[in-house]
Amino acid sequence: MKIQLPIDTSAVSFIDVMPPEPFLDGHTKQQKADANGEPLYSVELVCIGTEGDEILSVTFPGPPPAGICQGMPVRVTGLMVTGGAIGDRFGLTFRATDIEPLSAADAETGRQPSSGAAGLNR
């Protein structure tokens, strides 16, 4: 059974490392879609917190917002993590409901606006 756990992003900031790209099926090389038929995209983000930083590959539905480019601060909404195993290999996948450029005011602070949702702190 896979369990998705929400991540509280209010104490971290995200910067786009690589532009969004279509999320492809490893076998068919076709773009994957979510349960609603929305095409999935993947983006590499550096997640910066008080304890350090980490690069995450985050998948999200729908076309990427115009203007997201390398080095740009972004807002990540609805971030979830899921653990899984294939054979003897274990990994984490990250999925967001939305990724968008930060407003100028939010980019100045570098922090995600508080969503009020409970989640995991890292």
N, C-alpha and C. Protein backbone atom coordinates (compact mmCIF):
# COMPACT_ATOMS: atom_id res chain seq x y z
N MET A 1 0.84 -1.17 0.00
CA MET A 1 0.00 0.00 0.00
C MET A 1 0.89 1.24 0.00
N LYS A 2 0.58 2.20 -0.86
CA LYS A 2 1.31 3.45 -0.91
C LYS A 2 0.54 4.50 -0.14
N ILE A 3 1.26 5.21 0.72
CA ILE A 3 0.65 6.29 1.49
C ILE A 3 1.29 7.59 1.07
N GLN A 4 0.46 8.56 0.73
CA GLN A 4 0.95 9.90 0.42
C GLN A 4 0.91 10.74 1.68
N LEU A 5 2.03 11.38 1.99
CA LEU A 5 2.11 12.23 3.17
C LEU A 5 2.31 13.67 2.73
N PRO A 6 1.54 14.60 3.32
CA PRO A 6 1.70 16.01 2.96
C PRO A 6 2.97 16.59 3.58
N ILE A 7 3.57 17.55 2.89
CA ILE A 7 4.76 18.23 3.38
C ILE A 7 4.41 19.70 3.57
N ASP A 8 4.68 20.22 4.76
CA ASP A 8 4.46 21.63 5.06
C ASP A 8 5.60 22.43 4.44
N THR A 9 5.30 23.25 3.45
CA THR A 9 6.33 24.00 2.74
C THR A 9 6.49 25.43 3.26
N SER A 10 5.85 25.76 4.37
CA SER A 10 5.87 27.14 4.85
C SER A 10 7.24 27.59 5.37
N ALA A 11 8.12 26.68 5.74
CA ALA A 11 9.41 27.06 6.31
C ALA A 11 10.57 26.82 5.34
N VAL A 12 10.27 26.57 4.08
CA VAL A 12 11.31 26.33 3.08
C VAL A 12 11.06 27.20 1.85
N SER A 13 12.09 27.34 1.04
CA SER A 13 11.93 28.04 -0.23
C SER A 13 12.38 27.10 -1.34
N PHE A 14 11.89 27.35 -2.53
CA PHE A 14 12.20 26.51 -3.69
C PHE A 14 12.71 27.38 -4.83
N ILE A 15 13.73 26.88 -5.52
CA ILE A 15 14.26 27.55 -6.69
C ILE A 15 14.32 26.51 -7.82
N ASP A 16 13.86 26.92 -8.99
CA ASP A 16 13.87 26.05 -10.15
C ASP A 16 15.32 25.81 -10.59
N VAL A 17 15.71 24.54 -10.72
CA VAL A 17 17.05 24.18 -11.16
C VAL A 17 17.06 23.83 -12.64
N MET A 18 16.03 23.13 -13.09
CA MET A 18 15.88 22.75 -14.49
C MET A 18 14.46 23.08 -14.92
N PRO A 19 14.27 23.55 -16.14
CA PRO A 19 12.91 23.87 -16.59
C PRO A 19 12.00 22.65 -16.58
N PRO A 20 10.69 22.87 -16.41
CA PRO A 20 9.75 21.74 -16.44
C PRO A 20 9.81 21.00 -17.77
N GLU A 21 9.67 19.68 -17.68
CA GLU A 21 9.66 18.81 -18.86
C GLU A 21 8.52 17.81 -18.72
N PRO A 22 8.01 17.30 -19.85
CA PRO A 22 6.99 16.26 -19.76
C PRO A 22 7.51 15.06 -18.97
N PHE A 23 6.67 14.48 -18.13
CA PHE A 23 7.02 13.30 -17.33
C PHE A 23 6.70 12.08 -18.18
N LEU A 24 7.73 11.35 -18.59
CA LEU A 24 7.56 10.25 -19.52
C LEU A 24 7.53 8.89 -18.84
N ASP A 25 6.73 7.99 -19.40
CA ASP A 25 6.70 6.60 -18.98
C ASP A 25 8.03 5.97 -19.38
N GLY A 26 8.67 5.27 -18.44
CA GLY A 26 9.97 4.67 -18.70
C GLY A 26 9.97 3.62 -19.79
N HIS A 27 8.84 2.95 -20.02
CA HIS A 27 8.77 1.87 -21.00
C HIS A 27 8.31 2.38 -22.36
N THR A 28 7.24 3.18 -22.39
CA THR A 28 6.66 3.61 -23.66
C THR A 28 7.25 4.92 -24.17
N LYS A 29 7.91 5.66 -23.30
CA LYS A 29 8.46 6.99 -23.63
C LYS A 29 7.38 8.00 -23.99
N GLN A 30 6.12 7.69 -23.63
CA GLN A 30 5.00 8.62 -23.83
C GLN A 30 4.76 9.40 -22.55
N GLN A 31 4.23 10.62 -22.69
CA GLN A 31 3.95 11.43 -21.51
C GLN A 31 2.86 10.79 -20.67
N LYS A 32 3.12 10.70 -19.35
CA LYS A 32 2.13 10.15 -18.44
C LYS A 32 1.06 11.19 -18.15
N ALA A 33 -0.10 10.71 -17.70
CA ALA A 33 -1.20 11.58 -17.30
C ALA A 33 -1.67 11.16 -15.92
N ASP A 34 -2.31 12.10 -15.20
CA ASP A 34 -2.85 11.74 -13.88
C ASP A 34 -4.21 11.08 -14.05
N ALA A 35 -4.87 10.78 -12.94
CA ALA A 35 -6.16 10.09 -12.97
C ALA A 35 -7.24 10.90 -13.69
N ASN A 36 -7.08 12.22 -13.75
CA ASN A 36 -8.06 13.09 -14.43
C ASN A 36 -7.70 13.32 -15.90
N GLY A 37 -6.64 12.68 -16.38
CA GLY A 37 -6.24 12.85 -17.77
C GLY A 37 -5.33 14.04 -18.01
N GLU A 38 -4.97 14.78 -16.96
CA GLU A 38 -4.06 15.92 -17.10
C GLU A 38 -2.65 15.42 -17.39
N PRO A 39 -1.96 16.00 -18.36
CA PRO A 39 -0.58 15.57 -18.61
C PRO A 39 0.30 15.93 -17.42
N LEU A 40 1.27 15.06 -17.12
CA LEU A 40 2.17 15.28 -15.99
C LEU A 40 3.48 15.87 -16.48
N TYR A 41 4.02 16.77 -15.67
CA TYR A 41 5.32 17.39 -15.93
C TYR A 41 6.19 17.18 -14.72
N SER A 42 7.50 17.26 -14.92
CA SER A 42 8.46 17.11 -13.84
C SER A 42 9.40 18.31 -13.86
N VAL A 43 9.79 18.74 -12.67
CA VAL A 43 10.70 19.87 -12.55
C VAL A 43 11.70 19.57 -11.44
N GLU A 44 12.94 19.99 -11.64
CA GLU A 44 13.98 19.84 -10.62
C GLU A 44 14.01 21.13 -9.80
N LEU A 45 13.86 21.00 -8.49
CA LEU A 45 13.84 22.15 -7.59
C LEU A 45 14.87 21.96 -6.49
N VAL A 46 15.52 23.05 -6.09
CA VAL A 46 16.32 23.00 -4.88
C VAL A 46 15.41 23.49 -3.76
N CYS A 47 15.31 22.69 -2.73
CA CYS A 47 14.49 22.99 -1.55
C CYS A 47 15.46 23.47 -0.47
N ILE A 48 15.29 24.73 -0.03
CA ILE A 48 16.21 25.33 0.93
C ILE A 48 15.49 25.54 2.25
N GLY A 49 16.03 24.92 3.31
CA GLY A 49 15.46 25.05 4.65
C GLY A 49 16.53 25.45 5.64
N THR A 50 16.16 25.53 6.89
CA THR A 50 17.10 25.95 7.93
C THR A 50 18.19 24.91 8.18
N GLU A 51 17.92 23.65 7.85
CA GLU A 51 18.89 22.57 8.08
C GLU A 51 19.74 22.27 6.86
N GLY A 52 19.57 23.01 5.77
CA GLY A 52 20.34 22.77 4.56
C GLY A 52 19.44 22.76 3.34
N ASP A 53 19.94 22.15 2.27
CA ASP A 53 19.15 22.11 1.05
C ASP A 53 19.21 20.72 0.42
N GLU A 54 18.28 20.50 -0.49
CA GLU A 54 18.15 19.20 -1.16
C GLU A 54 17.54 19.45 -2.53
N ILE A 55 17.99 18.72 -3.53
CA ILE A 55 17.37 18.81 -4.85
C ILE A 55 16.30 17.75 -4.95
N LEU A 56 15.10 18.18 -5.35
CA LEU A 56 13.96 17.28 -5.49
C LEU A 56 13.46 17.30 -6.92
N SER A 57 13.07 16.16 -7.41
CA SER A 57 12.36 16.08 -8.68
C SER A 57 10.88 16.01 -8.32
N VAL A 58 10.12 17.00 -8.75
CA VAL A 58 8.71 17.12 -8.37
C VAL A 58 7.84 17.01 -9.61
N THR A 59 6.84 16.14 -9.55
CA THR A 59 5.89 15.96 -10.64
C THR A 59 4.64 16.77 -10.33
N PHE A 60 4.03 17.36 -11.37
CA PHE A 60 2.79 18.12 -11.18
C PHE A 60 1.93 18.01 -12.44
N PRO A 61 0.60 18.15 -12.28
CA PRO A 61 -0.31 18.01 -13.42
C PRO A 61 -0.49 19.33 -14.17
N GLY A 62 -0.85 19.20 -15.44
CA GLY A 62 -1.18 20.37 -16.24
C GLY A 62 0.06 21.02 -16.82
N PRO A 63 -0.15 21.89 -17.79
CA PRO A 63 1.00 22.55 -18.42
C PRO A 63 1.73 23.48 -17.44
N PRO A 64 3.04 23.59 -17.58
CA PRO A 64 3.79 24.47 -16.69
C PRO A 64 3.39 25.92 -16.93
N PRO A 65 3.37 26.73 -15.87
CA PRO A 65 3.06 28.15 -16.06
C PRO A 65 4.12 28.81 -16.92
N ALA A 66 3.69 29.77 -17.72
CA ALA A 66 4.63 30.52 -18.56
C ALA A 66 5.60 31.28 -17.67
N GLY A 67 6.83 31.34 -18.09
CA GLY A 67 7.80 32.16 -17.39
C GLY A 67 8.65 31.45 -16.36
N ILE A 68 8.37 30.18 -16.05
CA ILE A 68 9.23 29.48 -15.10
C ILE A 68 10.54 29.13 -15.81
N CYS A 69 11.65 29.56 -15.23
CA CYS A 69 12.95 29.28 -15.84
C CYS A 69 13.98 29.01 -14.76
N GLN A 70 15.13 28.54 -15.18
CA GLN A 70 16.20 28.18 -14.27
C GLN A 70 16.59 29.37 -13.38
N GLY A 71 16.72 29.09 -12.07
CA GLY A 71 17.11 30.11 -11.11
C GLY A 71 15.97 30.91 -10.52
N MET A 72 14.74 30.64 -10.97
CA MET A 72 13.58 31.40 -10.51
C MET A 72 12.99 30.82 -9.23
N PRO A 73 12.71 31.67 -8.22
CA PRO A 73 11.98 31.19 -7.05
C PRO A 73 10.55 30.80 -7.44
N VAL A 74 10.08 29.67 -6.93
CA VAL A 74 8.74 29.20 -7.26
C VAL A 74 7.96 28.85 -5.99
N ARG A 75 6.65 28.87 -6.12
CA ARG A 75 5.75 28.44 -5.05
C ARG A 75 5.31 27.02 -5.38
N VAL A 76 5.37 26.14 -4.39
CA VAL A 76 4.96 24.76 -4.54
C VAL A 76 3.74 24.54 -3.65
N THR A 77 2.64 24.16 -4.25
CA THR A 77 1.38 23.96 -3.53
C THR A 77 1.04 22.48 -3.50
N GLY A 78 0.56 22.02 -2.36
CA GLY A 78 0.09 20.64 -2.24
C GLY A 78 1.17 19.60 -2.40
N LEU A 79 2.36 19.84 -1.84
CA LEU A 79 3.46 18.90 -1.98
C LEU A 79 3.22 17.66 -1.13
N MET A 80 3.35 16.50 -1.78
CA MET A 80 3.16 15.21 -1.11
C MET A 80 4.37 14.34 -1.42
N VAL A 81 4.70 13.44 -0.48
CA VAL A 81 5.77 12.47 -0.69
C VAL A 81 5.18 11.07 -0.56
N THR A 82 5.64 10.19 -1.43
CA THR A 82 5.22 8.79 -1.41
C THR A 82 6.47 7.92 -1.47
N GLY A 83 6.52 6.92 -0.61
CA GLY A 83 7.62 5.96 -0.63
C GLY A 83 7.22 4.73 -1.40
N GLY A 84 8.20 4.09 -2.04
CA GLY A 84 7.88 2.88 -2.79
C GLY A 84 9.11 2.05 -3.01
N ALA A 85 8.90 0.80 -3.36
CA ALA A 85 10.01 -0.12 -3.60
C ALA A 85 9.77 -0.89 -4.90
N ILE A 86 10.86 -1.11 -5.60
CA ILE A 86 10.87 -1.99 -6.77
C ILE A 86 12.01 -2.95 -6.53
N GLY A 87 11.66 -4.19 -6.28
CA GLY A 87 12.68 -5.17 -5.93
C GLY A 87 13.33 -4.79 -4.61
N ASP A 88 14.65 -4.68 -4.61
CA ASP A 88 15.35 -4.31 -3.38
C ASP A 88 15.69 -2.82 -3.34
N ARG A 89 15.13 -2.04 -4.26
CA ARG A 89 15.38 -0.60 -4.31
C ARG A 89 14.20 0.16 -3.73
N PHE A 90 14.51 1.15 -2.89
CA PHE A 90 13.48 1.98 -2.25
C PHE A 90 13.72 3.42 -2.65
N GLY A 91 12.63 4.16 -2.86
CA GLY A 91 12.78 5.57 -3.21
C GLY A 91 11.58 6.37 -2.80
N LEU A 92 11.73 7.67 -2.87
CA LEU A 92 10.66 8.61 -2.57
C LEU A 92 10.29 9.36 -3.84
N THR A 93 9.00 9.60 -4.03
CA THR A 93 8.55 10.43 -5.14
C THR A 93 7.83 11.63 -4.56
N PHE A 94 7.98 12.77 -5.22
CA PHE A 94 7.37 14.01 -4.77
C PHE A 94 6.40 14.49 -5.84
N ARG A 95 5.21 14.88 -5.39
CA ARG A 95 4.18 15.34 -6.30
C ARG A 95 3.54 16.59 -5.72
N ALA A 96 3.28 17.58 -6.55
CA ALA A 96 2.64 18.82 -6.14
C ALA A 96 1.35 18.99 -6.93
N THR A 97 0.42 19.73 -6.37
CA THR A 97 -0.79 20.04 -7.13
C THR A 97 -0.56 21.21 -8.06
N ASP A 98 0.43 22.08 -7.72
CA ASP A 98 0.71 23.25 -8.55
C ASP A 98 2.10 23.79 -8.26
N ILE A 99 2.73 24.32 -9.29
CA ILE A 99 4.01 25.03 -9.17
C ILE A 99 3.87 26.30 -9.99
N GLU A 100 4.22 27.44 -9.38
CA GLU A 100 4.08 28.71 -10.08
C GLU A 100 5.18 29.67 -9.63
N PRO A 101 5.51 30.65 -10.47
CA PRO A 101 6.52 31.64 -10.07
C PRO A 101 6.04 32.39 -8.83
N LEU A 102 6.98 32.75 -7.96
CA LEU A 102 6.64 33.55 -6.79
C LEU A 102 6.39 34.99 -7.21
N SER A 103 5.49 35.65 -6.49
CA SER A 103 5.30 37.08 -6.71
C SER A 103 6.57 37.80 -6.25
N ALA A 104 6.75 39.03 -6.68
CA ALA A 104 7.95 39.79 -6.31
C ALA A 104 8.08 39.92 -4.79
N ALA A 105 6.96 40.14 -4.08
CA ALA A 105 7.00 40.29 -2.62
C ALA A 105 7.39 38.98 -1.95
N ASP A 106 6.84 37.86 -2.41
CA ASP A 106 7.18 36.57 -1.83
C ASP A 106 8.61 36.17 -2.17
N ALA A 107 9.07 36.50 -3.38
CA ALA A 107 10.43 36.16 -3.78
C ALA A 107 11.45 36.90 -2.93
N GLU A 108 11.10 38.10 -2.46
CA GLU A 108 12.00 38.88 -1.61
C GLU A 108 12.29 38.16 -0.30
N THR A 109 11.27 37.52 0.29
CA THR A 109 11.48 36.80 1.55
C THR A 109 12.02 35.40 1.31
N GLY A 110 11.76 34.85 0.11
CA GLY A 110 12.24 33.51 -0.21
C GLY A 110 11.44 32.40 0.44
N ARG A 111 10.37 32.71 1.12
CA ARG A 111 9.58 31.69 1.81
C ARG A 111 8.24 31.50 1.11
N GLN A 112 7.70 30.31 1.30
CA GLN A 112 6.38 29.98 0.76
C GLN A 112 5.32 30.64 1.64
N PRO A 113 4.29 31.24 1.06
CA PRO A 113 3.20 31.75 1.88
C PRO A 113 2.57 30.59 2.65
N SER A 114 2.16 30.83 3.87
CA SER A 114 1.58 29.79 4.71
C SER A 114 0.24 29.35 4.14
N SER A 115 0.08 28.03 3.98
CA SER A 115 -1.16 27.49 3.44
C SER A 115 -2.13 27.12 4.54
N GLY A 116 -1.63 27.04 5.76
CA GLY A 116 -2.49 26.66 6.88
C GLY A 116 -2.73 25.17 6.98
N ALA A 117 -2.18 24.40 6.04
CA ALA A 117 -2.40 22.95 6.08
C ALA A 117 -1.36 22.29 6.98
N ALA A 118 -1.81 21.29 7.68
CA ALA A 118 -0.88 20.53 8.53
C ALA A 118 -0.03 19.66 7.62
N GLY A 119 1.19 19.40 8.04
CA GLY A 119 2.05 18.57 7.23
C GLY A 119 3.30 18.18 8.00
N LEU A 120 4.25 17.67 7.28
CA LEU A 120 5.50 17.24 7.88
C LEU A 120 6.53 18.35 7.76
N ASN A 121 7.27 18.56 8.79
CA ASN A 121 8.42 19.47 8.74
C ASN A 121 9.66 18.63 8.67
N ARG A 122 10.63 19.10 7.96
CA ARG A 122 11.86 18.36 7.82
C ARG A 122 12.95 19.05 8.57
